[in-house]
Amino acid sequence: MAYAGIQLHVLQDILGHASVETTRGYLHPDDRHLASAAGPANALLARSAKTSPTRSRAPRSL
């Protein structure tokens, strides 16, 4: 119900919790946005890896 937009204090009343923290404890993180961001992020990183020149470091002489 929280993902549907019902406010936390309303859920608290519906569930009969004395504390909003109790209600909050039953919520699970919504990580769908992470999964949907992974594809574009991976594509960006792949493009960046292809276009970035690799710098080789010459060993320092003392």
PDB file of N, CA and C in Angstrom:
ATOM      1  N   MET A   1       0.833  -1.204   0.000  1.00  0.00           N
ATOM      2  CA  MET A   1       0.000   0.000   0.000  1.00  0.00           C
ATOM      3  C   MET A   1       0.869   1.256   0.000  1.00  0.00           C
ATOM      4  N   ALA A   2       2.023   1.179   0.671  1.00  0.00           N
ATOM      5  CA  ALA A   2       2.912   2.339   0.694  1.00  0.00           C
ATOM      6  C   ALA A   2       3.403   2.657  -0.713  1.00  0.00           C
ATOM      7  N   TYR A   3       3.697   1.618  -1.518  1.00  0.00           N
ATOM      8  CA  TYR A   3       4.162   1.835  -2.889  1.00  0.00           C
ATOM      9  C   TYR A   3       3.060   2.407  -3.765  1.00  0.00           C
ATOM     10  N   ALA A   4       1.815   2.210  -3.345  1.00  0.00           N
ATOM     11  CA  ALA A   4       0.689   2.765  -4.087  1.00  0.00           C
ATOM     12  C   ALA A   4       0.458   4.229  -3.743  1.00  0.00           C
ATOM     13  N   GLY A   5       1.216   4.733  -2.761  1.00  0.00           N
ATOM     14  CA  GLY A   5       1.112   6.148  -2.428  1.00  0.00           C
ATOM     15  C   GLY A   5       0.339   6.462  -1.163  1.00  0.00           C
ATOM     16  N   ILE A   6      -0.071   5.436  -0.433  1.00  0.00           N
ATOM     17  CA  ILE A   6      -0.784   5.695   0.821  1.00  0.00           C
ATOM     18  C   ILE A   6       0.222   6.193   1.851  1.00  0.00           C
ATOM     19  N   GLN A   7      -0.096   7.288   2.480  1.00  0.00           N
ATOM     20  CA  GLN A   7       0.832   7.905   3.424  1.00  0.00           C
ATOM     21  C   GLN A   7       1.051   7.017   4.635  1.00  0.00           C
ATOM     22  N   LEU A   8       2.244   7.127   5.193  1.00  0.00           N
ATOM     23  CA  LEU A   8       2.660   6.261   6.291  1.00  0.00           C
ATOM     24  C   LEU A   8       1.747   6.383   7.512  1.00  0.00           C
ATOM     25  N   HIS A   9       1.344   7.604   7.845  1.00  0.00           N
ATOM     26  CA  HIS A   9       0.487   7.755   9.024  1.00  0.00           C
ATOM     27  C   HIS A   9      -0.898   7.131   8.802  1.00  0.00           C
ATOM     28  N   VAL A  10      -1.345   7.086   7.557  1.00  0.00           N
ATOM     29  CA  VAL A  10      -2.622   6.435   7.241  1.00  0.00           C
ATOM     30  C   VAL A  10      -2.461   4.921   7.393  1.00  0.00           C
ATOM     31  N   LEU A  11      -1.344   4.381   6.905  1.00  0.00           N
ATOM     32  CA  LEU A  11      -1.077   2.956   7.087  1.00  0.00           C
ATOM     33  C   LEU A  11      -0.993   2.610   8.566  1.00  0.00           C
ATOM     34  N   GLN A  12      -0.387   3.483   9.334  1.00  0.00           N
ATOM     35  CA  GLN A  12      -0.287   3.283  10.779  1.00  0.00           C
ATOM     36  C   GLN A  12      -1.674   3.107  11.384  1.00  0.00           C
ATOM     37  N   ASP A  13      -2.595   3.987  11.002  1.00  0.00           N
ATOM     38  CA  ASP A  13      -3.967   3.900  11.514  1.00  0.00           C
ATOM     39  C   ASP A  13      -4.662   2.620  11.051  1.00  0.00           C
ATOM     40  N   ILE A  14      -4.499   2.278   9.779  1.00  0.00           N
ATOM     41  CA  ILE A  14      -5.130   1.082   9.235  1.00  0.00           C
ATOM     42  C   ILE A  14      -4.650  -0.159   9.971  1.00  0.00           C
ATOM     43  N   LEU A  15      -3.344  -0.209  10.238  1.00  0.00           N
ATOM     44  CA  LEU A  15      -2.748  -1.391  10.870  1.00  0.00           C
ATOM     45  C   LEU A  15      -2.871  -1.386  12.384  1.00  0.00           C
ATOM     46  N   GLY A  16      -3.267  -0.244  12.949  1.00  0.00           N
ATOM     47  CA  GLY A  16      -3.461  -0.155  14.390  1.00  0.00           C
ATOM     48  C   GLY A  16      -2.172  -0.054  15.191  1.00  0.00           C
ATOM     49  N   HIS A  17      -1.128   0.444  14.560  1.00  0.00           N
ATOM     50  CA  HIS A  17       0.146   0.590  15.266  1.00  0.00           C
ATOM     51  C   HIS A  17       0.150   1.867  16.102  1.00  0.00           C
ATOM     52  N   ALA A  18       0.685   1.780  17.308  1.00  0.00           N
ATOM     53  CA  ALA A  18       0.772   2.956  18.172  1.00  0.00           C
ATOM     54  C   ALA A  18       1.869   3.905  17.698  1.00  0.00           C
ATOM     55  N   SER A  19       2.897   3.349  17.050  1.00  0.00           N
ATOM     56  CA  SER A  19       4.035   4.148  16.609  1.00  0.00           C
ATOM     57  C   SER A  19       4.215   4.023  15.101  1.00  0.00           C
ATOM     58  N   VAL A  20       4.527   5.127  14.480  1.00  0.00           N
ATOM     59  CA  VAL A  20       4.803   5.106  13.044  1.00  0.00           C
ATOM     60  C   VAL A  20       6.087   4.317  12.776  1.00  0.00           C
ATOM     61  N   GLU A  21       6.971   4.243  13.757  1.00  0.00           N
ATOM     62  CA  GLU A  21       8.204   3.465  13.598  1.00  0.00           C
ATOM     63  C   GLU A  21       7.893   1.974  13.465  1.00  0.00           C
ATOM     64  N   THR A  22       6.866   1.508  14.134  1.00  0.00           N
ATOM     65  CA  THR A  22       6.454   0.114  13.993  1.00  0.00           C
ATOM     66  C   THR A  22       6.002  -0.138  12.560  1.00  0.00           C
ATOM     67  N   THR A  23       5.204   0.764  12.027  1.00  0.00           N
ATOM     68  CA  THR A  23       4.732   0.644  10.649  1.00  0.00           C
ATOM     69  C   THR A  23       5.908   0.683   9.699  1.00  0.00           C
ATOM     70  N   ARG A  24       6.827   1.582   9.922  1.00  0.00           N
ATOM     71  CA  ARG A  24       7.997   1.731   9.056  1.00  0.00           C
ATOM     72  C   ARG A  24       8.821   0.425   9.043  1.00  0.00           C
ATOM     73  N   GLY A  25       8.839  -0.285  10.155  1.00  0.00           N
ATOM     74  CA  GLY A  25       9.574  -1.536  10.241  1.00  0.00           C
ATOM     75  C   GLY A  25       9.059  -2.616   9.321  1.00  0.00           C
ATOM     76  N   TYR A  26       7.818  -2.512   8.912  1.00  0.00           N
ATOM     77  CA  TYR A  26       7.239  -3.498   8.012  1.00  0.00           C
ATOM     78  C   TYR A  26       7.452  -3.152   6.544  1.00  0.00           C
ATOM     79  N   LEU A  27       7.969  -1.982   6.282  1.00  0.00           N
ATOM     80  CA  LEU A  27       8.220  -1.584   4.898  1.00  0.00           C
ATOM     81  C   LEU A  27       9.536  -2.186   4.432  1.00  0.00           C
ATOM     82  N   HIS A  28       9.555  -2.574   3.200  1.00  0.00           N
ATOM     83  CA  HIS A  28      10.773  -3.117   2.608  1.00  0.00           C
ATOM     84  C   HIS A  28      11.257  -2.134   1.561  1.00  0.00           C
ATOM     85  N   PRO A  29      12.560  -1.989   1.436  1.00  0.00           N
ATOM     86  CA  PRO A  29      13.074  -1.037   0.449  1.00  0.00           C
ATOM     87  C   PRO A  29      12.597  -1.398  -0.957  1.00  0.00           C
ATOM     88  N   ASP A  30      12.256  -0.404  -1.691  1.00  0.00           N
ATOM     89  CA  ASP A  30      11.841  -0.596  -3.076  1.00  0.00           C
ATOM     90  C   ASP A  30      13.085  -0.422  -3.941  1.00  0.00           C
ATOM     91  N   ASP A  31      13.659  -1.519  -4.358  1.00  0.00           N
ATOM     92  CA  ASP A  31      14.891  -1.430  -5.122  1.00  0.00           C
ATOM     93  C   ASP A  31      14.683  -1.627  -6.624  1.00  0.00           C
ATOM     94  N   ARG A  32      13.453  -1.494  -7.054  1.00  0.00           N
ATOM     95  CA  ARG A  32      13.187  -1.619  -8.491  1.00  0.00           C
ATOM     96  C   ARG A  32      13.915  -0.561  -9.287  1.00  0.00           C
ATOM     97  N   HIS A  33      14.056   0.640  -8.708  1.00  0.00           N
ATOM     98  CA  HIS A  33      14.755   1.713  -9.419  1.00  0.00           C
ATOM     99  C   HIS A  33      16.223   1.364  -9.619  1.00  0.00           C
ATOM    100  N   LEU A  34      16.814   0.581  -8.723  1.00  0.00           N
ATOM    101  CA  LEU A  34      18.202   0.167  -8.882  1.00  0.00           C
ATOM    102  C   LEU A  34      18.352  -0.774 -10.066  1.00  0.00           C
ATOM    103  N   ALA A  35      17.436  -1.705 -10.182  1.00  0.00           N
ATOM    104  CA  ALA A  35      17.488  -2.650 -11.288  1.00  0.00           C
ATOM    105  C   ALA A  35      17.290  -1.934 -12.622  1.00  0.00           C
ATOM    106  N   SER A  36      16.399  -0.968 -12.670  1.00  0.00           N
ATOM    107  CA  SER A  36      16.160  -0.267 -13.931  1.00  0.00           C
ATOM    108  C   SER A  36      17.308   0.675 -14.276  1.00  0.00           C
ATOM    109  N   ALA A  37      18.076   1.113 -13.291  1.00  0.00           N
ATOM    110  CA  ALA A  37      19.220   1.995 -13.548  1.00  0.00           C
ATOM    111  C   ALA A  37      20.468   1.205 -13.927  1.00  0.00           C
ATOM    112  N   ALA A  38      20.507  -0.069 -13.611  1.00  0.00           N
ATOM    113  CA  ALA A  38      21.704  -0.870 -13.855  1.00  0.00           C
ATOM    114  C   ALA A  38      22.036  -0.968 -15.344  1.00  0.00           C
ATOM    115  N   GLY A  39      21.050  -1.153 -16.177  1.00  0.00           N
ATOM    116  CA  GLY A  39      21.288  -1.276 -17.621  1.00  0.00           C
ATOM    117  C   GLY A  39      21.946  -0.041 -18.210  1.00  0.00           C
ATOM    118  N   PRO A  40      21.343   1.136 -18.051  1.00  0.00           N
ATOM    119  CA  PRO A  40      21.971   2.349 -18.589  1.00  0.00           C
ATOM    120  C   PRO A  40      23.346   2.638 -17.963  1.00  0.00           C
ATOM    121  N   ALA A  41      23.486   2.346 -16.677  1.00  0.00           N
ATOM    122  CA  ALA A  41      24.780   2.583 -16.025  1.00  0.00           C
ATOM    123  C   ALA A  41      25.841   1.669 -16.608  1.00  0.00           C
ATOM    124  N   ASN A  42      25.509   0.405 -16.816  1.00  0.00           N
ATOM    125  CA  ASN A  42      26.465  -0.525 -17.415  1.00  0.00           C
ATOM    126  C   ASN A  42      26.830  -0.114 -18.838  1.00  0.00           C
ATOM    127  N   ALA A  43      25.860   0.350 -19.599  1.00  0.00           N
ATOM    128  CA  ALA A  43      26.128   0.800 -20.966  1.00  0.00           C
ATOM    129  C   ALA A  43      27.057   2.009 -20.962  1.00  0.00           C
ATOM    130  N   LEU A  44      26.827   2.933 -20.054  1.00  0.00           N
ATOM    131  CA  LEU A  44      27.679   4.111 -19.958  1.00  0.00           C
ATOM    132  C   LEU A  44      29.111   3.719 -19.593  1.00  0.00           C
ATOM    133  N   LEU A  45      29.240   2.838 -18.621  1.00  0.00           N
ATOM    134  CA  LEU A  45      30.568   2.408 -18.205  1.00  0.00           C
ATOM    135  C   LEU A  45      31.284   1.648 -19.319  1.00  0.00           C
ATOM    136  N   ALA A  46      30.544   0.853 -20.065  1.00  0.00           N
ATOM    137  CA  ALA A  46      31.147   0.112 -21.178  1.00  0.00           C
ATOM    138  C   ALA A  46      31.639   1.071 -22.256  1.00  0.00           C
ATOM    139  N   ARG A  47      30.844   2.087 -22.583  1.00  0.00           N
ATOM    140  CA  ARG A  47      31.266   3.087 -23.573  1.00  0.00           C
ATOM    141  C   ARG A  47      32.492   3.829 -23.090  1.00  0.00           C
ATOM    142  N   SER A  48      32.470   4.194 -21.823  1.00  0.00           N
ATOM    143  CA  SER A  48      33.586   4.935 -21.241  1.00  0.00           C
ATOM    144  C   SER A  48      34.863   4.109 -21.284  1.00  0.00           C
ATOM    145  N   ALA A  49      34.755   2.830 -21.013  1.00  0.00           N
ATOM    146  CA  ALA A  49      35.938   1.961 -21.020  1.00  0.00           C
ATOM    147  C   ALA A  49      36.502   1.811 -22.427  1.00  0.00           C
ATOM    148  N   LYS A  50      35.639   1.839 -23.437  1.00  0.00           N
ATOM    149  CA  LYS A  50      36.095   1.697 -24.824  1.00  0.00           C
ATOM    150  C   LYS A  50      36.764   2.961 -25.335  1.00  0.00           C
ATOM    151  N   THR A  51      36.295   4.128 -24.887  1.00  0.00           N
ATOM    152  CA  THR A  51      36.809   5.388 -25.422  1.00  0.00           C
ATOM    153  C   THR A  51      37.927   5.992 -24.592  1.00  0.00           C
ATOM    154  N   SER A  52      38.104   5.536 -23.362  1.00  0.00           N
ATOM    155  CA  SER A  52      39.157   6.080 -22.515  1.00  0.00           C
ATOM    156  C   SER A  52      40.484   5.464 -22.899  1.00  0.00           C
ATOM    157  N   PRO A  53      41.456   6.316 -23.190  1.00  0.00           N
ATOM    158  CA  PRO A  53      42.770   5.756 -23.499  1.00  0.00           C
ATOM    159  C   PRO A  53      43.372   5.147 -22.227  1.00  0.00           C
ATOM    160  N   THR A  54      43.962   4.007 -22.411  1.00  0.00           N
ATOM    161  CA  THR A  54      44.617   3.390 -21.271  1.00  0.00           C
ATOM    162  C   THR A  54      46.007   3.982 -21.170  1.00  0.00           C
ATOM    163  N   ARG A  55      46.301   4.434 -20.017  1.00  0.00           N
ATOM    164  CA  ARG A  55      47.612   5.033 -19.816  1.00  0.00           C
ATOM    165  C   ARG A  55      48.518   3.976 -19.215  1.00  0.00           C
ATOM    166  N   SER A  56      49.620   3.772 -19.891  1.00  0.00           N
ATOM    167  CA  SER A  56      50.582   2.871 -19.286  1.00  0.00           C
ATOM    168  C   SER A  56      51.618   3.727 -18.584  1.00  0.00           C
ATOM    169  N   ARG A  57      51.974   3.307 -17.439  1.00  0.00           N
ATOM    170  CA  ARG A  57      52.943   4.054 -16.662  1.00  0.00           C
ATOM    171  C   ARG A  57      54.323   3.445 -16.864  1.00  0.00           C
ATOM    172  N   ALA A  58      55.224   4.290 -17.208  1.00  0.00           N
ATOM    173  CA  ALA A  58      56.606   3.835 -17.284  1.00  0.00           C
ATOM    174  C   ALA A  58      57.147   3.743 -15.871  1.00  0.00           C
ATOM    175  N   PRO A  59      57.925   2.720 -15.607  1.00  0.00           N
ATOM    176  CA  PRO A  59      58.483   2.619 -14.268  1.00  0.00           C
ATOM    177  C   PRO A  59      59.401   3.790 -13.969  1.00  0.00           C
ATOM    178  N   ARG A  60      59.286   4.262 -12.764  1.00  0.00           N
ATOM    179  CA  ARG A  60      60.141   5.373 -12.327  1.00  0.00           C
ATOM    180  C   ARG A  60      61.548   4.873 -12.058  1.00  0.00           C
ATOM    181  N   SER A  61      62.472   5.648 -12.470  1.00  0.00           N
ATOM    182  CA  SER A  61      63.852   5.289 -12.097  1.00  0.00           C
ATOM    183  C   SER A  61      64.277   6.201 -10.972  1.00  0.00           C
ATOM    184  N   LEU A  62      64.992   5.654 -10.059  1.00  0.00           N
ATOM    185  CA  LEU A  62      65.447   6.414  -8.907  1.00  0.00           C
ATOM    186  C   LEU A  62      66.753   7.073  -9.135  1.00  0.00           C
TER     187      LEU A  62
END
